[in-house]
PDB file of N, CA and C in Angstrom:
ATOM      1  N   MET A   1     124.131  47.922  73.341  1.00  0.00           N
ATOM      2  CA  MET A   1     122.747  48.277  73.776  1.00  0.00           C
ATOM      3  C   MET A   1     122.496  48.736  75.488  1.00  0.00           C
ATOM      4  N   ASP A   2     122.918  47.563  76.445  1.00  0.00           N
ATOM      5  CA  ASP A   2     122.360  47.817  77.663  1.00  0.00           C
ATOM      6  C   ASP A   2     123.059  48.619  77.925  1.00  0.00           C
ATOM      7  N   GLU A   3     124.243  49.555  78.003  1.00  0.00           N
ATOM      8  CA  GLU A   3     125.168  50.565  77.940  1.00  0.00           C
ATOM      9  C   GLU A   3     124.657  51.522  77.572  1.00  0.00           C
ATOM     10  N   ALA A   4     124.245  52.018  76.419  1.00  0.00           N
ATOM     11  CA  ALA A   4     123.323  52.964  76.459  1.00  0.00           C
ATOM     12  C   ALA A   4     122.091  53.579  76.604  1.00  0.00           C
ATOM     13  N   ARG A   5     121.665  52.552  77.982  1.00  0.00           N
ATOM     14  CA  ARG A   5     120.165  52.959  78.164  1.00  0.00           C
ATOM     15  C   ARG A   5     120.347  53.321  79.638  1.00  0.00           C
ATOM     16  N   ASP A   6     121.924  51.904  79.803  1.00  0.00           N
ATOM     17  CA  ASP A   6     122.679  52.903  80.926  1.00  0.00           C
ATOM     18  C   ASP A   6     123.203  54.060  81.489  1.00  0.00           C
ATOM     19  N   TYR A   7     123.331  53.965  80.045  1.00  0.00           N
ATOM     20  CA  TYR A   7     124.206  56.135  79.749  1.00  0.00           C
ATOM     21  C   TYR A   7     122.466  57.137  80.350  1.00  0.00           C
ATOM     22  N   MET A   8     121.667  56.437  79.945  1.00  0.00           N
ATOM     23  CA  MET A   8     120.857  57.111  79.778  1.00  0.00           C
ATOM     24  C   MET A   8     119.654  57.563  80.987  1.00  0.00           C
ATOM     25  N   ARG A   9     119.443  55.810  81.822  1.00  0.00           N
ATOM     26  CA  ARG A   9     118.905  55.877  82.741  1.00  0.00           C
ATOM     27  C   ARG A   9     119.555  57.229  83.762  1.00  0.00           C
ATOM     28  N   ARG A  10     121.724  56.912  83.892  1.00  0.00           N
ATOM     29  CA  ARG A  10     122.058  58.467  84.454  1.00  0.00           C
ATOM     30  C   ARG A  10     122.151  60.304  84.028  1.00  0.00           C
ATOM     31  N   ARG A  11     120.505  59.979  82.797  1.00  0.00           N
ATOM     32  CA  ARG A  11     120.747  60.935  82.486  1.00  0.00           C
ATOM     33  C   ARG A  11     122.811  61.208  82.082  1.00  0.00           C
ATOM     34  N   ALA A  12     123.590  60.968  80.999  1.00  0.00           N
ATOM     35  CA  ALA A  12     124.821  61.723  81.279  1.00  0.00           C
ATOM     36  C   ALA A  12     125.483  61.798  80.788  1.00  0.00           C
ATOM     37  N   TRP A  13     124.185  63.018  79.701  1.00  0.00           N
ATOM     38  CA  TRP A  13     125.074  64.598  79.135  1.00  0.00           C
ATOM     39  C   TRP A  13     125.971  64.385  79.083  1.00  0.00           C
ATOM     40  N   ASP A  14     126.799  65.284  79.887  1.00  0.00           N
ATOM     41  CA  ASP A  14     127.019  66.060  79.856  1.00  0.00           C
ATOM     42  C   ASP A  14     128.422  65.299  80.550  1.00  0.00           C
ATOM     43  N   ALA A  15     128.999  63.875  80.816  1.00  0.00           N
ATOM     44  CA  ALA A  15     130.289  63.732  81.142  1.00  0.00           C
ATOM     45  C   ALA A  15     130.822  63.729  80.593  1.00  0.00           C
ATOM     46  N   PRO A  16     132.346  63.385  80.799  1.00  0.00           N
ATOM     47  CA  PRO A  16     133.049  63.701  80.095  1.00  0.00           C
ATOM     48  C   PRO A  16     133.011  62.397  78.882  1.00  0.00           C
ATOM     49  N   PRO A  17     133.815  63.367  77.932  1.00  0.00           N
ATOM     50  CA  PRO A  17     134.203  62.428  76.397  1.00  0.00           C
ATOM     51  C   PRO A  17     134.153  61.148  76.368  1.00  0.00           C
ATOM     52  N   GLY A  18     133.773  59.801  75.529  1.00  0.00           N
ATOM     53  CA  GLY A  18     133.737  58.642  75.800  1.00  0.00           C
ATOM     54  C   GLY A  18     132.835  57.837  77.225  1.00  0.00           C
ATOM     55  N   HIS A  19     132.437  58.846  77.506  1.00  0.00           N
ATOM     56  CA  HIS A  19     131.900  58.185  78.853  1.00  0.00           C
ATOM     57  C   HIS A  19     130.484  59.090  79.358  1.00  0.00           C
ATOM     58  N   ASN A  20     129.749  59.510  78.053  1.00  0.00           N
ATOM     59  CA  ASN A  20     128.334  60.337  78.004  1.00  0.00           C
ATOM     60  C   ASN A  20     127.410  59.621  76.786  1.00  0.00           C
ATOM     61  N   PHE A  21     125.378  59.488  77.183  1.00  0.00           N
ATOM     62  CA  PHE A  21     125.514  59.358  75.892  1.00  0.00           C
ATOM     63  C   PHE A  21     125.691  59.641  74.583  1.00  0.00           C
ATOM     64  N   LYS A  22     126.240  60.539  74.593  1.00  0.00           N
ATOM     65  CA  LYS A  22     126.250  60.279  72.737  1.00  0.00           C
ATOM     66  C   LYS A  22     126.891  59.327  72.134  1.00  0.00           C
ATOM     67  N   ASP A  23     128.394  59.264  73.354  1.00  0.00           N
ATOM     68  CA  ASP A  23     129.499  58.856  72.953  1.00  0.00           C
ATOM     69  C   ASP A  23     129.504  58.145  72.615  1.00  0.00           C
ATOM     70  N   VAL A  24     128.130  56.639  74.010  1.00  0.00           N
ATOM     71  CA  VAL A  24     128.538  55.590  73.529  1.00  0.00           C
ATOM     72  C   VAL A  24     127.744  55.152  72.805  1.00  0.00           C
ATOM     73  N   THR A  25     126.325  55.809  71.959  1.00  0.00           N
ATOM     74  CA  THR A  25     124.665  55.577  71.366  1.00  0.00           C
ATOM     75  C   THR A  25     126.361  55.748  69.726  1.00  0.00           C
ATOM     76  N   ASP A  26     126.861  56.660  69.864  1.00  0.00           N
ATOM     77  CA  ASP A  26     127.922  56.728  68.689  1.00  0.00           C
ATOM     78  C   ASP A  26     128.803  55.480  67.638  1.00  0.00           C
ATOM     79  N   ALA A  27     128.863  55.600  69.501  1.00  0.00           N
ATOM     80  CA  ALA A  27     129.734  53.859  69.187  1.00  0.00           C
ATOM     81  C   ALA A  27     129.316  52.594  68.751  1.00  0.00           C
ATOM     82  N   ALA A  28     128.236  52.502  69.693  1.00  0.00           N
ATOM     83  CA  ALA A  28     127.285  51.467  69.017  1.00  0.00           C
ATOM     84  C   ALA A  28     126.701  52.296  67.362  1.00  0.00           C
ATOM     85  N   VAL A  29     126.420  53.092  67.190  1.00  0.00           N
ATOM     86  CA  VAL A  29     126.031  52.035  65.962  1.00  0.00           C
ATOM     87  C   VAL A  29     126.720  52.000  64.863  1.00  0.00           C
ATOM     88  N   GLY A  30     128.100  52.586  65.391  1.00  0.00           N
ATOM     89  CA  GLY A  30     128.980  52.323  64.214  1.00  0.00           C
ATOM     90  C   GLY A  30     129.311  50.627  64.527  1.00  0.00           C
ATOM     91  N   ARG A  31     128.989  50.051  65.600  1.00  0.00           N
ATOM     92  CA  ARG A  31     129.382  48.822  65.458  1.00  0.00           C
ATOM     93  C   ARG A  31     127.726  48.225  64.506  1.00  0.00           C
ATOM     94  N   TRP A  32     127.150  49.011  64.455  1.00  0.00           N
ATOM     95  CA  TRP A  32     125.531  47.784  64.846  1.00  0.00           C
ATOM     96  C   TRP A  32     124.951  48.866  63.640  1.00  0.00           C
ATOM     97  N   PRO A  33     125.009  49.361  62.411  1.00  0.00           N
ATOM     98  CA  PRO A  33     124.095  51.055  61.912  1.00  0.00           C
ATOM     99  C   PRO A  33     122.739  50.238  61.846  1.00  0.00           C
ATOM    100  N   GLN A  34     122.467  49.222  61.155  1.00  0.00           N
ATOM    101  CA  GLN A  34     120.905  48.792  60.656  1.00  0.00           C
ATOM    102  C   GLN A  34     120.187  48.732  62.144  1.00  0.00           C
ATOM    103  N   ASN A  35     120.564  49.030  63.406  1.00  0.00           N
ATOM    104  CA  ASN A  35     120.113  48.385  64.392  1.00  0.00           C
ATOM    105  C   ASN A  35     118.967  49.649  64.902  1.00  0.00           C
ATOM    106  N   THR A  36     118.349  49.076  64.907  1.00  0.00           N
ATOM    107  CA  THR A  36     117.180  50.478  64.984  1.00  0.00           C
ATOM    108  C   THR A  36     116.851  50.487  66.077  1.00  0.00           C
ATOM    109  N   ALA A  37     117.073  49.685  67.040  1.00  0.00           N
ATOM    110  CA  ALA A  37     116.985  49.813  69.040  1.00  0.00           C
ATOM    111  C   ALA A  37     117.537  51.399  68.893  1.00  0.00           C
ATOM    112  N   LEU A  38     118.599  50.918  68.404  1.00  0.00           N
ATOM    113  CA  LEU A  38     119.777  52.676  69.068  1.00  0.00           C
ATOM    114  C   LEU A  38     119.102  53.653  68.182  1.00  0.00           C
ATOM    115  N   THR A  39     117.969  53.408  67.014  1.00  0.00           N
ATOM    116  CA  THR A  39     117.495  55.090  67.156  1.00  0.00           C
ATOM    117  C   THR A  39     116.242  55.726  68.369  1.00  0.00           C
ATOM    118  N   ASP A  40     115.555  54.463  68.686  1.00  0.00           N
ATOM    119  CA  ASP A  40     114.561  54.137  69.603  1.00  0.00           C
ATOM    120  C   ASP A  40     114.814  54.264  70.936  1.00  0.00           C
ATOM    121  N   ILE A  41     116.552  54.287  71.078  1.00  0.00           N
ATOM    122  CA  ILE A  41     117.175  54.716  72.699  1.00  0.00           C
ATOM    123  C   ILE A  41     117.795  56.443  72.570  1.00  0.00           C
ATOM    124  N   ARG A  42     117.839  56.286  71.407  1.00  0.00           N
ATOM    125  CA  ARG A  42     118.175  58.190  71.213  1.00  0.00           C
ATOM    126  C   ARG A  42     117.122  59.085  70.645  1.00  0.00           C
ATOM    127  N   ARG A  43     115.751  58.412  70.311  1.00  0.00           N
ATOM    128  CA  ARG A  43     114.803  59.214  70.557  1.00  0.00           C
ATOM    129  C   ARG A  43     114.482  59.651  72.110  1.00  0.00           C
ATOM    130  N   GLU A  44     114.162  57.991  72.590  1.00  0.00           N
ATOM    131  CA  GLU A  44     113.576  58.295  73.802  1.00  0.00           C
ATOM    132  C   GLU A  44     115.027  58.956  74.809  1.00  0.00           C
ATOM    133  N   ALA A  45     115.641  59.753  74.477  1.00  0.00           N
ATOM    134  CA  ALA A  45     117.077  59.982  75.308  1.00  0.00           C
ATOM    135  C   ALA A  45     116.903  61.593  75.203  1.00  0.00           C
ATOM    136  N   ALA A  46     116.595  61.804  73.778  1.00  0.00           N
ATOM    137  CA  ALA A  46     116.107  63.210  73.663  1.00  0.00           C
ATOM    138  C   ALA A  46     114.638  63.558  73.980  1.00  0.00           C
ATOM    139  N   GLU A  47     113.647  62.278  74.770  1.00  0.00           N
ATOM    140  CA  GLU A  47     112.368  63.347  75.148  1.00  0.00           C
ATOM    141  C   GLU A  47     113.145  63.104  77.000  1.00  0.00           C
ATOM    142  N   LEU A  48     113.751  62.661  76.874  1.00  0.00           N
ATOM    143  CA  LEU A  48     114.473  62.823  77.871  1.00  0.00           C
ATOM    144  C   LEU A  48     115.037  63.806  78.688  1.00  0.00           C
ATOM    145  N   VAL A  49     116.163  64.259  77.911  1.00  0.00           N
ATOM    146  CA  VAL A  49     116.342  65.492  78.110  1.00  0.00           C
ATOM    147  C   VAL A  49     115.709  66.488  77.620  1.00  0.00           C
ATOM    148  N   VAL A  50     114.868  67.261  76.685  1.00  0.00           N
ATOM    149  CA  VAL A  50     114.063  68.356  76.675  1.00  0.00           C
ATOM    150  C   VAL A  50     112.669  68.003  77.843  1.00  0.00           C
ATOM    151  N   HIS A  51     112.670  66.710  78.289  1.00  0.00           N
ATOM    152  CA  HIS A  51     111.536  66.444  79.253  1.00  0.00           C
ATOM    153  C   HIS A  51     112.402  67.658  80.387  1.00  0.00           C
ATOM    154  N   ASP A  52     113.804  67.089  80.678  1.00  0.00           N
ATOM    155  CA  ASP A  52     114.211  67.451  82.292  1.00  0.00           C
ATOM    156  C   ASP A  52     114.467  69.377  81.838  1.00  0.00           C
ATOM    157  N   ALA A  53     114.858  69.391  80.291  1.00  0.00           N
ATOM    158  CA  ALA A  53     114.997  71.225  80.660  1.00  0.00           C
ATOM    159  C   ALA A  53     113.992  71.534  80.904  1.00  0.00           C
ATOM    160  N   LEU A  54     113.028  71.402  80.815  1.00  0.00           N
ATOM    161  CA  LEU A  54     111.165  71.767  80.805  1.00  0.00           C
ATOM    162  C   LEU A  54     110.510  71.914  82.171  1.00  0.00           C
ATOM    163  N   ALA A  55     111.310  70.721  83.001  1.00  0.00           N
ATOM    164  CA  ALA A  55     111.197  70.960  84.441  1.00  0.00           C
ATOM    165  C   ALA A  55     112.075  71.304  85.362  1.00  0.00           C
ATOM    166  N   ARG A  56     112.926  72.016  84.361  1.00  0.00           N
ATOM    167  CA  ARG A  56     113.729  72.582  85.038  1.00  0.00           C
ATOM    168  C   ARG A  56     113.563  74.161  85.081  1.00  0.00           C
ATOM    169  N   PHE A  57     113.131  74.133  83.951  1.00  0.00           N
ATOM    170  CA  PHE A  57     112.456  75.730  83.470  1.00  0.00           C
ATOM    171  C   PHE A  57     113.574  76.441  82.613  1.00  0.00           C
ATOM    172  N   ASP A  58     114.210  75.267  81.572  1.00  0.00           N
ATOM    173  CA  ASP A  58     115.512  75.489  82.048  1.00  0.00           C
ATOM    174  C   ASP A  58     115.328  75.944  80.129  1.00  0.00           C
ATOM    175  N   ALA A  59     115.315  76.304  79.324  1.00  0.00           N
ATOM    176  CA  ALA A  59     115.050  75.680  78.136  1.00  0.00           C
ATOM    177  C   ALA A  59     116.445  76.385  77.093  1.00  0.00           C
ATOM    178  N   TYR A  60     117.077  77.269  77.458  1.00  0.00           N
ATOM    179  CA  TYR A  60     117.562  77.894  76.712  1.00  0.00           C
ATOM    180  C   TYR A  60     118.613  77.486  75.974  1.00  0.00           C
ATOM    181  N   PRO A  61     120.034  76.612  77.532  1.00  0.00           N
ATOM    182  CA  PRO A  61     121.235  75.383  76.346  1.00  0.00           C
ATOM    183  C   PRO A  61     120.125  74.447  75.669  1.00  0.00           C
ATOM    184  N   LEU A  62     118.473  73.642  75.778  1.00  0.00           N
ATOM    185  CA  LEU A  62     118.974  73.116  74.611  1.00  0.00           C
ATOM    186  C   LEU A  62     118.673  73.676  73.649  1.00  0.00           C
ATOM    187  N   PHE A  63     117.449  74.803  73.599  1.00  0.00           N
ATOM    188  CA  PHE A  63     117.486  75.186  72.256  1.00  0.00           C
ATOM    189  C   PHE A  63     118.589  76.192  71.556  1.00  0.00           C
ATOM    190  N   ASN A  64     119.894  76.384  72.568  1.00  0.00           N
ATOM    191  CA  ASN A  64     121.028  76.807  72.132  1.00  0.00           C
ATOM    192  C   ASN A  64     122.221  75.210  71.520  1.00  0.00           C
ATOM    193  N   GLU A  65     122.300  74.560  71.511  1.00  0.00           N
ATOM    194  CA  GLU A  65     122.940  73.726  71.450  1.00  0.00           C
ATOM    195  C   GLU A  65     122.359  72.948  69.899  1.00  0.00           C
ATOM    196  N   LEU A  66     121.012  73.174  70.420  1.00  0.00           N
ATOM    197  CA  LEU A  66     120.094  73.025  68.929  1.00  0.00           C
ATOM    198  C   LEU A  66     120.808  73.516  67.775  1.00  0.00           C
ATOM    199  N   GLY A  67     120.813  74.628  68.917  1.00  0.00           N
ATOM    200  CA  GLY A  67     120.784  76.341  67.437  1.00  0.00           C
ATOM    201  C   GLY A  67     119.803  76.639  66.921  1.00  0.00           C
ATOM    202  N   ASP A  68     118.653  76.878  68.023  1.00  0.00           N
ATOM    203  CA  ASP A  68     117.464  77.162  67.560  1.00  0.00           C
ATOM    204  C   ASP A  68     117.023  77.690  69.046  1.00  0.00           C
ATOM    205  N   ALA A  69     117.807  78.784  69.964  1.00  0.00           N
ATOM    206  CA  ALA A  69     117.532  79.114  70.869  1.00  0.00           C
ATOM    207  C   ALA A  69     117.092  80.838  69.686  1.00  0.00           C
ATOM    208  N   ILE A  70     116.963  81.769  70.103  1.00  0.00           N
ATOM    209  CA  ILE A  70     115.747  83.483  69.898  1.00  0.00           C
ATOM    210  C   ILE A  70     116.165  84.189  70.327  1.00  0.00           C
ATOM    211  N   VAL A  71     117.183  84.442  69.974  1.00  0.00           N
ATOM    212  CA  VAL A  71     117.895  85.669  71.247  1.00  0.00           C
ATOM    213  C   VAL A  71     117.351  87.027  70.386  1.00  0.00           C
ATOM    214  N   THR A  72     117.123  88.213  71.388  1.00  0.00           N
ATOM    215  CA  THR A  72     116.604  88.922  71.020  1.00  0.00           C
ATOM    216  C   THR A  72     117.774  90.090  72.122  1.00  0.00           C
ATOM    217  N   GLY A  73     118.149  91.501  71.385  1.00  0.00           N
ATOM    218  CA  GLY A  73     118.921  93.145  72.044  1.00  0.00           C
ATOM    219  C   GLY A  73     117.509  93.475  73.095  1.00  0.00           C
ATOM    220  N   PRO A  74     117.362  94.729  73.208  1.00  0.00           N
ATOM    221  CA  PRO A  74     116.234  95.752  73.298  1.00  0.00           C
ATOM    222  C   PRO A  74     115.302  95.862  72.328  1.00  0.00           C
ATOM    223  N   THR A  75     114.328  95.753  72.336  1.00  0.00           N
ATOM    224  CA  THR A  75     113.506  96.321  70.984  1.00  0.00           C
ATOM    225  C   THR A  75     113.442  97.914  71.170  1.00  0.00           C
ATOM    226  N   GLY A  76     113.292  97.995  73.061  1.00  0.00           N
ATOM    227  CA  GLY A  76     112.474  99.841  72.668  1.00  0.00           C
ATOM    228  C   GLY A  76     110.966  99.461  72.934  1.00  0.00           C
ATOM    229  N   ASN A  77     110.236  98.053  72.939  1.00  0.00           N
ATOM    230  CA  ASN A  77     108.982  98.102  73.303  1.00  0.00           C
ATOM    231  C   ASN A  77     108.436  97.050  74.329  1.00  0.00           C
ATOM    232  N   ASN A  78     109.075  96.877  74.495  1.00  0.00           N
ATOM    233  CA  ASN A  78     109.214  95.248  75.803  1.00  0.00           C
ATOM    234  C   ASN A  78     108.607  95.255  77.135  1.00  0.00           C
ATOM    235  N   LEU A  79     107.850  95.330  77.340  1.00  0.00           N
ATOM    236  CA  LEU A  79     108.111  95.464  79.152  1.00  0.00           C
ATOM    237  C   LEU A  79     109.577  94.539  79.639  1.00  0.00           C
ATOM    238  N   ARG A  80     109.796  94.023  79.383  1.00  0.00           N
ATOM    239  CA  ARG A  80     111.059  93.693  79.846  1.00  0.00           C
ATOM    240  C   ARG A  80     112.383  94.353  79.397  1.00  0.00           C
ATOM    241  N   ASP A  81     112.236  95.924  78.570  1.00  0.00           N
ATOM    242  CA  ASP A  81     112.882  96.968  78.557  1.00  0.00           C
ATOM    243  C   ASP A  81     112.652  97.611  79.093  1.00  0.00           C
ATOM    244  N   LEU A  82     112.046  97.668  80.220  1.00  0.00           N
ATOM    245  CA  LEU A  82     111.958  98.975  80.944  1.00  0.00           C
ATOM    246  C   LEU A  82     113.281  98.904  82.135  1.00  0.00           C
ATOM    247  N   ARG A  83     113.608 100.139  82.456  1.00  0.00           N
ATOM    248  CA  ARG A  83     114.419 100.488  83.463  1.00  0.00           C
ATOM    249  C   ARG A  83     114.034 101.723  83.957  1.00  0.00           C
ATOM    250  N   ILE A  84     113.908 101.567  85.331  1.00  0.00           N
ATOM    251  CA  ILE A  84     113.720 102.464  86.229  1.00  0.00           C
ATOM    252  C   ILE A  84     114.477 102.435  87.273  1.00  0.00           C
ATOM    253  N   LEU A  85     114.739 103.949  87.582  1.00  0.00           N
ATOM    254  CA  LEU A  85     115.707 105.003  88.161  1.00  0.00           C
ATOM    255  C   LEU A  85     114.712 105.563  88.964  1.00  0.00           C
ATOM    256  N   LEU A  86     114.869 104.955  90.479  1.00  0.00           N
ATOM    257  CA  LEU A  86     115.089 105.232  91.622  1.00  0.00           C
ATOM    258  C   LEU A  86     115.629 106.117  92.584  1.00  0.00           C
ATOM    259  N   ALA A  87     115.165 107.680  92.747  1.00  0.00           N
ATOM    260  CA  ALA A  87     115.712 109.079  92.498  1.00  0.00           C
ATOM    261  C   ALA A  87     115.522 109.233  94.801  1.00  0.00           C
ATOM    262  N   GLY A  88     116.428 109.438  95.594  1.00  0.00           N
ATOM    263  CA  GLY A  88     116.140 108.810  97.238  1.00  0.00           C
ATOM    264  C   GLY A  88     116.412 110.257  97.745  1.00  0.00           C
TER     265      GLY A  88
END
């Protein structure tokens, strides 16, 4: 439990396998499946991951990992689709 909190404090989301938050908490859940404190730790970690992504203005990797990213192509009517060619 303390190990999971330590990994969360260090924000070890992308650390190598076996040394990241998910692997540590998965192992703990395997040992203590009825421990509700692990659910609380995972919820806190999820909040930190979202907060970190929003603080960096970089939510795409988060939503992509969750499978919730909305990716649109050129629509023909969006300002972001505007292309300007300057000839001099």
